[in-house]
Protein backbone atom coordinates (compact mmCIF):
# COMPACT_ATOMS: atom_id res chain seq x y z
CA MET A 1 7.44 -9.81 22.41
CA ASP A 2 9.11 -9.03 25.47
CA TYR A 3 7.17 -6.78 28.30
CA LYS A 4 9.82 -4.43 28.81
CA ASN A 5 8.88 -3.17 25.09
CA LEU A 6 5.69 -1.89 26.52
CA LEU A 7 6.65 0.03 29.46
CA ILE A 8 7.28 3.78 29.35
CA GLU A 9 8.60 6.38 31.99
CA GLY A 10 7.03 9.71 33.11
CA THR A 11 9.47 11.74 31.81
CA ALA A 12 8.62 10.57 28.03
CA THR A 13 6.48 13.61 26.19
CA VAL A 14 3.24 12.09 24.25
CA LEU A 15 5.19 11.98 21.04
CA ASP A 16 7.77 9.67 22.89
CA ALA A 17 4.57 7.21 23.90
CA MET A 18 3.36 7.78 19.94
CA LYS A 19 6.48 6.66 18.72
CA GLN A 20 6.74 4.06 21.34
CA LEU A 21 3.03 2.75 20.41
CA ASP A 22 4.06 2.55 16.69
CA GLN A 23 7.18 0.14 17.29
CA VAL A 24 5.47 -1.91 19.47
CA ALA A 25 2.13 -2.13 17.66
CA LYS A 26 -0.01 -2.02 20.46
CA LYS A 27 -2.79 -0.13 22.05
CA VAL A 28 -1.43 0.45 25.38
CA LEU A 29 1.93 1.10 27.47
CA TYR A 30 2.64 0.97 31.02
CA LEU A 31 3.80 3.27 33.12
CA VAL A 32 6.58 2.69 35.79
CA GLU A 33 8.49 4.93 38.76
CA ASN A 34 11.45 2.58 39.67
CA GLU A 35 10.26 -1.18 38.21
CA VAL A 36 6.79 -0.49 39.84
CA LEU A 37 3.52 0.11 38.13
CA ILE A 38 2.64 3.38 38.45
CA GLY A 39 -0.26 4.02 35.45
CA ALA A 40 -1.35 2.78 31.72
CA LEU A 41 -1.54 5.50 29.08
CA SER A 42 -3.52 4.08 25.49
CA ASP A 43 -4.15 5.43 22.34
CA GLY A 44 -7.07 6.89 23.22
CA ASP A 45 -5.66 8.56 25.96
CA ILE A 46 -3.48 10.31 23.77
CA ARG A 47 -6.19 10.75 21.06
CA ARG A 48 -8.26 12.93 23.39
CA TRP A 49 -5.07 15.02 24.61
CA ILE A 50 -4.64 16.11 21.14
CA LEU A 51 -8.06 16.57 20.22
CA THR A 52 -8.22 19.38 22.87
CA GLY A 53 -5.06 21.04 21.74
CA GLY A 54 -2.14 19.54 23.87
CA ASP A 55 1.09 19.66 23.20
CA LEU A 56 2.82 16.66 21.74
CA HIS A 57 6.22 17.50 23.59
CA ALA A 58 4.20 17.47 26.99
CA PRO A 59 5.17 15.02 29.23
CA ILE A 60 2.82 12.19 29.60
CA THR A 61 2.14 12.71 33.01
CA GLY A 62 -0.64 14.82 32.92
CA ILE A 63 -2.47 12.43 30.51
CA PHE A 64 -1.94 8.84 32.44
CA ASN A 65 -4.43 6.60 33.78
CA ARG A 66 -3.45 6.34 37.37
CA ASN A 67 -5.46 3.86 38.28
CA PRO A 68 -4.54 1.07 35.63
CA LYS A 69 -6.18 -2.68 35.37
CA PHE A 70 -3.53 -5.08 36.29
CA LEU A 71 -3.80 -8.61 37.82
CA PRO A 72 -1.90 -10.26 40.49
CA VAL A 73 0.74 -12.71 39.12
CA GLY A 74 -0.53 -15.73 40.97
CA GLU A 75 -4.09 -14.87 39.09
CA SER A 76 -2.91 -15.46 36.04
CA GLU A 77 -5.43 -18.64 35.41
CA SER A 78 -7.72 -15.74 35.10
CA VAL A 79 -6.15 -13.76 33.07
CA LYS A 80 -8.70 -14.60 29.72
CA ASP A 81 -11.63 -14.21 31.89
CA PHE A 82 -10.58 -10.41 32.59
CA LEU A 83 -9.43 -9.33 29.69
CA GLN A 84 -12.79 -10.30 28.38
CA GLU A 85 -14.96 -8.58 31.52
CA ASN A 86 -13.25 -5.51 31.49
CA GLY A 87 -12.86 -5.27 27.29
CA ILE A 88 -9.18 -4.65 27.26
CA GLU A 89 -6.36 -6.46 24.69
CA SER A 90 -4.04 -7.15 27.66
CA VAL A 91 -2.90 -6.59 30.95
CA PRO A 92 -0.04 -6.35 33.15
CA LEU A 93 0.80 -9.02 36.10
CA VAL A 94 2.49 -7.64 39.26
CA ASP A 95 4.63 -8.93 42.06
CA GLU A 96 3.80 -8.33 45.41
CA GLN A 97 6.54 -5.13 45.70
CA GLY A 98 4.19 -3.97 42.09
CA HIS A 99 6.74 -4.96 39.58
CA ILE A 100 5.45 -6.55 36.39
CA VAL A 101 6.82 -9.62 35.41
CA LYS A 102 4.95 -10.13 32.55
CA VAL A 103 2.03 -8.71 29.83
CA VAL A 104 -0.71 -10.96 28.91
CA PHE A 105 -2.28 -10.61 25.87
CA TRP A 106 -5.45 -11.71 23.92
CA ASN A 107 -4.22 -13.97 21.40
CA GLU A 108 -7.23 -14.72 19.27
CA LYS A 109 -7.96 -13.15 16.08
CA LYS A 110 -11.72 -11.96 17.38
CA PRO A 111 -11.68 -8.73 19.38
CA VAL A 112 -12.50 -9.10 23.16
CA ARG A 113 -15.36 -6.88 22.77
CA GLN A 114 -17.71 -7.07 19.28
CA LYS A 115 -17.83 -3.64 18.31
CA GLU A 116 -20.87 -1.61 16.67
CA LYS A 117 -21.15 -2.46 12.37
CA LEU A 118 -20.99 0.41 10.47
CA CYS A 119 -23.06 -0.04 8.03
CA LEU A 120 -21.80 3.09 6.28
CA PRO A 121 -21.66 3.39 2.40
CA VAL A 122 -18.23 4.14 1.19
CA VAL A 123 -17.25 6.01 -1.48
CA MET A 124 -14.02 5.56 -3.27
CA MET A 125 -12.09 8.33 -5.58
CA ALA A 126 -10.81 5.91 -8.14
CA GLY A 127 -10.19 7.97 -11.35
CA GLY A 128 -6.91 9.19 -11.06
CA LYS A 129 -4.40 8.89 -13.52
CA GLY A 130 -1.85 7.67 -10.67
CA THR A 131 1.40 9.51 -12.50
CA ARG A 132 3.31 8.68 -9.49
CA LEU A 133 3.12 5.50 -10.20
CA TYR A 134 4.23 5.06 -13.82
CA PRO A 135 5.18 2.95 -15.25
CA TYR A 136 2.47 0.16 -12.98
CA THR A 137 -0.60 2.96 -13.81
CA LYS A 138 0.57 2.84 -17.81
CA VAL A 139 -0.53 -0.25 -17.74
CA LEU A 140 -3.18 -0.70 -14.65
CA PRO A 141 -5.55 2.03 -13.71
CA LYS A 142 -4.13 3.06 -9.62
CA PRO A 143 -7.15 1.06 -7.83
CA LEU A 144 -6.29 -2.54 -9.62
CA ILE A 145 -2.58 -2.17 -8.57
CA PRO A 146 -1.89 -5.15 -6.46
CA ILE A 147 -0.51 -5.41 -3.69
CA GLY A 148 0.11 -9.08 -2.64
CA GLU A 149 -2.23 -11.22 -3.84
CA SER A 150 -5.33 -8.56 -4.78
CA PRO A 151 -5.62 -5.05 -6.16
CA ILE A 152 -5.55 -1.98 -3.49
CA ALA A 153 -9.15 -1.05 -4.09
CA GLU A 154 -10.49 -4.52 -3.41
CA ILE A 155 -8.19 -4.48 -0.35
CA ILE A 156 -9.96 -1.40 0.99
CA MET A 157 -13.36 -2.49 0.18
CA ASP A 158 -12.76 -5.86 2.06
CA ARG A 159 -11.53 -4.18 5.22
CA PHE A 160 -14.14 -1.65 5.12
CA TYR A 161 -16.56 -5.05 4.80
CA THR A 162 -15.33 -6.09 8.05
CA MET A 163 -16.47 -3.28 9.27
CA GLY A 164 -20.21 -3.73 7.93
CA CYS A 165 -19.94 -1.91 5.21
CA GLU A 166 -22.00 -3.37 2.44
CA ALA A 167 -22.23 -0.33 -0.55
CA PHE A 168 -19.25 0.71 -2.45
CA TYR A 169 -19.49 4.11 -4.93
CA LEU A 170 -16.44 4.25 -7.28
CA VAL A 171 -15.74 7.68 -8.86
CA VAL A 172 -13.98 6.31 -11.94
CA ASN A 173 -12.57 7.78 -15.16
CA HIS A 174 -8.99 7.01 -15.99
CA LYS A 175 -9.18 3.51 -17.43
CA LYS A 176 -12.20 3.42 -16.08
CA ASN A 177 -13.57 0.01 -18.20
CA MET A 178 -11.22 -1.97 -16.65
CA ILE A 179 -12.07 -1.13 -13.54
CA LYS A 180 -15.57 -2.18 -13.58
CA ALA A 181 -14.73 -5.54 -15.80
CA TYR A 182 -12.69 -6.48 -12.85
CA PHE A 183 -15.24 -5.88 -10.33
CA GLY A 184 -17.64 -7.53 -12.47
CA GLU A 185 -15.97 -10.88 -12.73
CA VAL A 186 -14.77 -10.75 -8.98
CA ASP A 187 -17.18 -12.62 -6.14
CA LYS A 188 -18.21 -10.62 -3.57
CA PRO A 189 -20.57 -9.85 -0.72
CA TYR A 190 -20.62 -6.21 -1.09
CA THR A 191 -22.39 -3.95 -3.51
CA VAL A 192 -20.17 -2.29 -6.53
CA GLU A 193 -21.63 1.26 -8.46
CA TYR A 194 -20.09 3.66 -10.17
CA ALA A 195 -20.05 7.18 -10.95
CA ASP A 196 -18.17 8.02 -14.18
CA GLU A 197 -16.23 11.01 -14.60
CA ILE A 198 -16.75 12.55 -17.93
CA GLN A 199 -13.63 15.38 -17.66
CA MET A 200 -11.49 15.18 -14.40
CA LEU A 201 -13.19 17.06 -11.34
CA GLY A 202 -10.75 16.74 -8.35
CA THR A 203 -11.23 14.88 -5.47
CA GLY A 204 -14.01 17.14 -3.71
CA GLY A 205 -15.87 17.41 -7.73
CA GLY A 206 -16.05 13.75 -8.26
CA ILE A 207 -18.75 13.18 -5.29
CA ARG A 208 -20.87 15.88 -6.85
CA LEU A 209 -21.45 13.11 -9.36
CA LEU A 210 -23.48 10.72 -6.46
CA LYS A 211 -26.22 13.93 -5.53
CA GLY A 212 -29.66 11.74 -5.26
CA ARG A 213 -27.48 8.45 -4.49
CA ILE A 214 -26.46 8.88 -1.17
CA ASN A 215 -28.47 10.48 1.53
CA GLU A 216 -26.58 9.47 4.45
CA THR A 217 -23.51 10.03 6.03
CA PHE A 218 -20.28 8.53 4.09
CA ILE A 219 -17.13 7.29 4.30
CA LEU A 220 -15.20 8.97 1.66
CA THR A 221 -12.14 7.41 0.67
CA ASN A 222 -8.97 7.40 -1.79
CA CYS A 223 -8.00 3.96 -3.55
CA ASP A 224 -4.74 4.31 -2.92
CA ILE A 225 -4.50 4.15 1.21
CA LEU A 226 -4.72 1.93 4.24
CA VAL A 227 -6.21 3.52 7.69
CA GLU A 228 -6.03 0.79 10.58
CA ALA A 229 -8.54 2.96 12.81
CA ASP A 230 -11.35 2.34 14.55
CA PHE A 231 -14.22 3.75 12.04
CA SER A 232 -17.16 3.12 14.49
CA GLU A 233 -15.10 4.77 16.98
CA ILE A 234 -14.69 8.07 14.54
CA TYR A 235 -18.50 7.55 13.22
CA SER A 236 -19.26 8.27 17.01
CA LEU A 237 -17.19 11.36 17.41
CA HIS A 238 -18.10 12.53 13.88
CA LYS A 239 -21.54 12.49 15.21
CA ARG A 240 -20.76 13.68 19.26
CA ASP A 241 -19.41 16.83 17.39
CA GLY A 242 -22.08 17.69 14.65
CA ASN A 243 -19.33 17.55 12.34
CA ALA A 244 -20.21 17.76 8.85
CA VAL A 245 -16.49 16.42 7.60
CA THR A 246 -14.39 14.58 9.93
CA MET A 247 -10.74 14.44 8.15
CA ILE A 248 -8.57 11.80 9.66
CA CYS A 249 -4.84 13.04 10.10
CA SER A 250 -2.18 10.86 10.79
CA LEU A 251 0.95 11.86 12.61
CA LYS A 252 4.07 12.14 10.18
CA ASN A 253 8.19 12.65 11.41
CA PHE A 254 10.23 13.66 9.57
CA SER A 255 14.23 14.10 9.75
CA ILE A 256 15.62 17.29 8.06
CA PRO A 257 18.88 15.47 6.24
CA TYR A 258 20.71 18.85 7.03
CA GLY A 259 21.93 21.78 9.90
CA VAL A 260 19.47 24.13 9.77
CA VAL A 261 20.34 27.61 10.82
CA ASP A 262 18.35 30.14 12.16
CA ILE A 263 19.66 33.96 10.86
CA GLY A 264 19.37 36.58 13.80
CA GLU A 265 18.70 40.20 12.60
CA HIS A 266 22.12 41.19 12.48
CA GLY A 267 23.00 38.49 10.06
CA GLU A 268 24.62 36.54 12.71
CA VAL A 269 23.83 32.87 13.81
CA ALA A 270 20.84 33.25 15.93
CA ALA A 271 20.74 28.75 16.45
CA MET A 272 22.07 25.72 15.04
CA LYS A 273 19.78 22.54 15.02
CA GLU A 274 21.70 19.66 13.48
CA LYS A 275 19.20 16.73 11.23
CA PRO A 276 16.24 18.37 13.59
CA GLN A 277 13.16 16.17 13.31
CA ILE A 278 9.41 18.01 13.00
CA SER A 279 6.75 16.71 13.72
CA PHE A 280 3.08 17.53 12.63
CA PHE A 281 -0.59 15.85 11.31
CA THR A 282 -1.12 15.37 7.62
CA ASN A 283 -4.63 14.42 5.88
CA THR A 284 -4.43 10.81 4.88
CA GLY A 285 -7.15 11.37 2.28
CA SER A 286 -9.75 9.45 4.64
CA TYR A 287 -13.13 11.01 6.04
CA ILE A 288 -16.32 10.85 7.29
CA VAL A 289 -18.68 13.52 5.31
CA GLU A 290 -22.32 14.19 6.02
CA PRO A 291 -24.60 14.31 2.85
CA CYS A 292 -25.48 17.91 2.66
CA VAL A 293 -21.48 18.53 2.06
CA ILE A 294 -22.66 17.29 -1.92
CA ASP A 295 -24.75 20.52 -2.23
CA LEU A 296 -21.82 22.68 -1.70
CA ILE A 297 -20.63 21.42 -4.81
CA ALA A 298 -21.27 22.73 -8.31
CA ASP A 299 -22.15 20.32 -11.30
CA ASN A 300 -19.18 19.95 -13.05
CA GLU A 301 -17.19 21.70 -10.42
CA ASN A 302 -13.18 21.11 -10.40
CA ILE A 303 -12.23 21.11 -6.70
CA GLY A 304 -10.20 19.44 -4.05
CA PHE A 305 -11.81 17.76 -0.86
CA PRO A 306 -9.67 20.05 1.31
CA ASP A 307 -11.50 23.18 -0.50
CA VAL A 308 -14.90 21.84 -0.25
CA ILE A 309 -13.84 21.36 3.62
CA ALA A 310 -12.99 25.18 3.32
CA ARG A 311 -16.10 25.60 1.66
CA CYS A 312 -17.94 23.78 4.54
CA GLN A 313 -16.18 26.52 6.95
CA GLU A 314 -17.44 29.58 5.42
CA LYS A 315 -20.83 28.02 5.49
CA GLY A 316 -20.51 27.71 9.28
CA LEU A 317 -20.42 23.79 9.27
CA LYS A 318 -18.42 22.12 11.69
CA THR A 319 -14.96 20.11 10.98
CA GLY A 320 -13.18 18.17 12.81
CA VAL A 321 -10.34 16.14 13.06
CA TYR A 322 -9.23 12.48 13.81
CA PRO A 323 -5.89 11.95 14.81
CA ILE A 324 -4.00 8.39 14.83
CA ASN A 325 -0.30 7.11 14.81
CA GLU A 326 2.08 7.34 11.60
CA GLY A 327 1.66 3.47 11.81
CA LYS A 328 -2.04 3.15 11.47
CA TRP A 329 -1.90 4.79 7.81
CA MET A 330 0.01 3.27 4.68
CA ASP A 331 -0.05 5.06 1.50
CA MET A 332 1.04 4.04 -1.74
CA GLY A 333 0.81 6.93 -3.69
CA GLN A 334 4.81 6.91 -4.76
CA LEU A 335 6.62 3.78 -5.40
CA ASP A 336 8.47 3.33 -2.32
CA GLU A 337 5.93 3.89 -0.34
CA MET A 338 3.94 1.22 -2.76
CA GLU A 339 6.61 -1.27 -1.99
CA LYS A 340 6.55 -0.72 2.16
CA MET A 341 2.76 -1.43 1.90
CA CYS A 342 3.67 -4.74 -0.05
CA LEU A 343 6.22 -5.88 2.66
CA ARG A 344 4.05 -5.22 5.77
CA LEU A 345 0.83 -6.47 4.11
CA ASN A 346 2.97 -9.58 3.60
CA GLU A 347 4.26 -9.75 7.03
CA GLU A 348 0.82 -9.49 8.71
CA HIS A 349 -0.46 -11.99 6.78
CA LYS A 350 1.94 -14.42 7.70
């Protein structure tokens, strides 16, 4: 990668930085002024800014780290030790004038610092009909639709297993016998149990079926999404803030394909914007949840999980958000998105 793609100037906004982080698929950018290193901006810096109510259109000058870690270009031999000692994934090499001449990354596949294992149960909502993926779901239940060589549900579980999760609960309904048959034949290092819906109960009502079976904090996920995030960090934030539910939300940038007109009080054209872009955070369908939330749902109640969150708030329970960049969320809920997920995962495994 050309290190210049990691450079950003202080005139950029937080939103600009988030888009650039997505494009380079890295966790940090380096601020330069007249080509001299003056700071670093990580995805964590941006996340903390958002969680304090910061404006996405604010300049990054108010949130970047003004004491970035770097090495003189002459000390490039000690880069690996420097990265490991500081628990970072990259470091810029600078000349005597402070100009960045190279950015060196930790090249091994293993993380620089061993992350704490999660060991949380994972509940997957796997009972829907997947009508948006017809005609695939006329033959297969959505959890078994292959993305590359493996079904999406298996990919999700394998990823959580690498984080330390070993117990999975699938809430099943539509074509549930096919799901059970598949995972009954798969050689897997984790356990898979099932909660059978007799009728459709929604993304919230299904977890009521697990009352008495899950008595600890758990991860709740849809069966058609992949979230690339540090779940140990999300869990730590969840516990630190005392949340009953922490929702993982992704930035979404949407370009309106038309000119937008604001109409004034007397019918005049007040303002015009040609194909404006709007940015907002959307629910990814992945959460950290406390077991007490299950008690807020009645037996056989058909309710969506967003409505369960509203019920938590009515009861005075804390609910929080963990924001991620747009590129960290993949959703195969629609055919075009499924194709994008296939292409992206294929690229990652090359």
